[in-house]
Protein backbone atom coordinates (compact mmCIF):
# COMPACT_ATOMS: atom_id res chain seq x y z
CA MET A 1 95.95 17.22 8.67
CA LEU A 2 98.20 16.82 11.69
CA PHE A 3 101.57 15.18 11.17
CA LEU A 4 103.41 13.74 14.14
CA LYS A 5 107.14 14.23 14.26
CA THR A 6 109.01 10.94 14.20
CA LYS A 7 111.57 10.58 16.98
CA THR A 8 114.97 9.14 16.19
CA ILE A 9 116.33 6.78 18.81
CA ILE A 10 119.79 5.24 18.53
CA ILE A 11 120.66 2.17 20.59
CA ALA A 12 124.31 1.16 20.80
CA GLY A 13 124.37 -2.53 21.66
CA ALA A 14 121.99 -5.34 20.72
CA SER A 15 122.38 -6.97 24.12
CA ARG A 16 119.26 -8.54 25.61
CA PHE A 17 118.57 -5.15 27.18
CA GLY A 18 119.22 -3.18 23.98
CA ALA A 19 117.27 -5.57 21.77
CA GLY A 20 114.40 -5.62 24.26
CA LEU A 21 114.22 -1.81 24.26
CA ALA A 22 114.43 -1.70 20.46
CA GLY A 23 111.55 -4.15 20.19
CA ARG A 24 109.45 -2.23 22.69
CA LEU A 25 110.08 1.14 21.00
CA SER A 26 109.78 -0.11 17.41
CA GLY A 27 106.64 1.04 15.67
CA ARG A 28 105.84 3.84 18.15
CA ASN A 29 106.21 6.57 15.55
CA THR A 30 109.95 6.28 16.07
CA ARG A 31 112.92 5.70 13.84
CA ILE A 32 115.04 3.13 15.67
CA VAL A 33 118.66 2.43 14.80
CA VAL A 34 120.45 -0.42 16.58
CA ILE A 35 124.22 -0.63 16.28
CA ASP A 36 126.27 -3.67 17.30
CA LEU A 37 129.75 -4.96 16.52
CA LYS A 38 128.43 -8.44 15.76
CA GLU A 39 125.78 -9.15 13.16
CA GLU A 40 124.60 -12.25 15.02
CA ALA A 41 123.57 -10.03 17.96
CA PHE A 42 120.61 -8.82 15.91
CA ARG A 43 119.03 -12.27 16.32
CA LYS A 44 117.86 -11.05 19.72
CA LEU A 45 115.59 -8.48 18.06
CA PRO A 46 111.92 -9.46 17.81
CA GLU A 47 110.64 -10.67 14.44
CA ASP A 48 108.44 -7.60 14.03
CA PHE A 49 111.31 -5.13 14.63
CA SER A 50 110.90 -2.38 12.05
CA GLY A 51 114.09 -0.39 12.64
CA HIS A 52 117.55 -0.34 11.17
CA GLN A 53 120.33 -2.76 12.08
CA ILE A 54 123.87 -1.45 11.63
CA VAL A 55 126.99 -3.54 12.13
CA GLY A 56 129.61 -1.26 13.63
CA ASP A 57 131.03 0.44 16.69
CA GLY A 58 128.61 2.60 18.70
CA THR A 59 131.52 4.82 19.74
CA ASP A 60 132.61 5.59 16.16
CA THR A 61 131.71 9.25 15.59
CA GLU A 62 131.68 8.92 11.80
CA LEU A 63 129.31 5.95 11.96
CA LEU A 64 127.10 7.81 14.43
CA LYS A 65 126.88 10.74 12.00
CA GLN A 66 125.97 8.36 9.17
CA VAL A 67 123.06 6.88 11.14
CA GLY A 68 121.70 10.31 12.07
CA ILE A 69 122.86 11.04 15.61
CA GLU A 70 122.72 14.77 14.88
CA GLN A 71 118.93 14.43 14.56
CA ALA A 72 118.49 11.92 17.38
CA GLN A 73 116.33 12.81 20.36
CA ILE A 74 117.37 9.77 22.41
CA PHE A 75 120.58 7.75 22.62
CA ILE A 76 120.82 4.55 24.66
CA ALA A 77 124.16 2.86 25.38
CA ALA A 78 123.12 -0.74 25.98
CA THR A 79 126.17 -2.93 25.50
CA ASP A 80 127.22 -5.44 28.15
CA GLU A 81 130.34 -3.36 28.90
CA ASP A 82 130.11 -0.44 31.35
CA ASN A 83 133.17 1.37 30.01
CA VAL A 84 131.91 1.19 26.42
CA ASN A 85 128.51 2.48 27.56
CA ILE A 86 130.11 5.38 29.44
CA LEU A 87 132.19 6.34 26.40
CA ALA A 88 129.27 6.03 23.96
CA ALA A 89 126.99 8.06 26.24
CA GLN A 90 129.61 10.79 26.64
CA ILE A 91 130.04 11.00 22.87
CA ALA A 92 126.28 11.29 22.36
CA SER A 93 125.84 13.85 25.14
CA ARG A 94 128.96 15.98 24.95
CA ILE A 95 129.87 15.88 21.26
CA PHE A 96 126.49 15.50 19.56
CA LYS A 97 124.31 17.15 22.23
CA VAL A 98 121.61 14.46 22.07
CA PRO A 99 118.82 15.74 24.36
CA GLU A 100 118.22 12.47 26.24
CA VAL A 101 121.03 9.99 26.89
CA PHE A 102 120.66 6.76 28.84
CA LEU A 103 123.24 4.10 29.62
CA ARG A 104 123.21 0.69 31.19
CA LEU A 105 125.62 0.27 34.11
CA ASN A 106 126.26 -2.99 35.89
CA ASP A 107 128.53 -1.29 38.44
CA LYS A 108 126.54 1.43 40.22
CA ASP A 109 129.78 2.95 41.55
CA LYS A 110 130.61 4.07 38.00
CA GLU A 111 127.55 6.31 38.03
CA LYS A 112 129.72 9.07 39.55
CA LEU A 113 131.60 9.25 36.23
CA ILE A 114 128.52 10.70 34.53
CA SER A 115 127.41 12.94 37.39
CA GLY A 116 126.64 16.49 36.27
CA PHE A 117 126.12 15.53 32.63
CA ASN A 118 122.99 15.01 30.57
CA MET A 119 123.06 11.24 31.12
CA LYS A 120 120.87 8.87 33.10
CA ALA A 121 122.10 5.49 34.29
CA ILE A 122 119.99 2.35 34.28
CA CYS A 123 121.42 -0.12 36.80
CA PRO A 124 119.78 -3.57 36.45
CA PHE A 125 121.02 -4.72 39.88
CA VAL A 126 119.46 -1.74 41.64
CA LEU A 127 116.23 -2.12 39.69
CA SER A 128 116.05 -5.80 40.63
CA VAL A 129 116.58 -5.08 44.33
CA ASN A 130 113.96 -2.32 44.23
CA GLU A 131 111.50 -4.60 42.44
CA PHE A 132 112.03 -7.35 45.02
CA ASP A 133 111.34 -4.86 47.78
CA ARG A 134 108.19 -3.67 45.99
CA LEU A 135 106.95 -7.22 45.41
CA THR A 136 107.48 -8.18 49.04
CA GLU A 137 106.20 -4.78 50.21
CA GLY A 138 109.25 -4.37 52.43
CA GLU A 139 108.46 -7.60 54.30
CA TYR A 140 112.17 -8.36 54.64
CA GLN A 141 113.35 -4.90 55.75
CA GLU A 142 115.47 -4.70 58.86
CA ALA A 143 113.32 -4.61 61.96
CA ALA A 144 113.11 -1.14 63.49
CA GLY A 145 115.10 -0.70 66.66
CA SER A 146 117.28 -3.78 66.15
């Protein structure tokens, strides 16, 4: 019989973004751990969320060890604070050597702070602009030669 390896994914921040990702990834042969400072933040998780909810600081190395970061394949820093996300992502990448590290950034200019490291930024503003362009098929691009 073939057994599939369960991936461990840790999400620091039960923001709308973090909770949405946790809900989407829950039940996909993954072990999901969501960490947030405020217990009430977990209300954003979908009713069928099958992961773990941990009240705590996603930058606390001892807490991260307790929830299994040393076995994690993916870490996502998804708080509403860019600086917290940068710190959490650096801890996951540089201290714990998590293979895939993602972080939400509202300020695209801060992306240079993670350049050259094993971290990928998700910038909602940029994604929204790109999606608008895709939906309008470039209809509102600057006229050539103007």
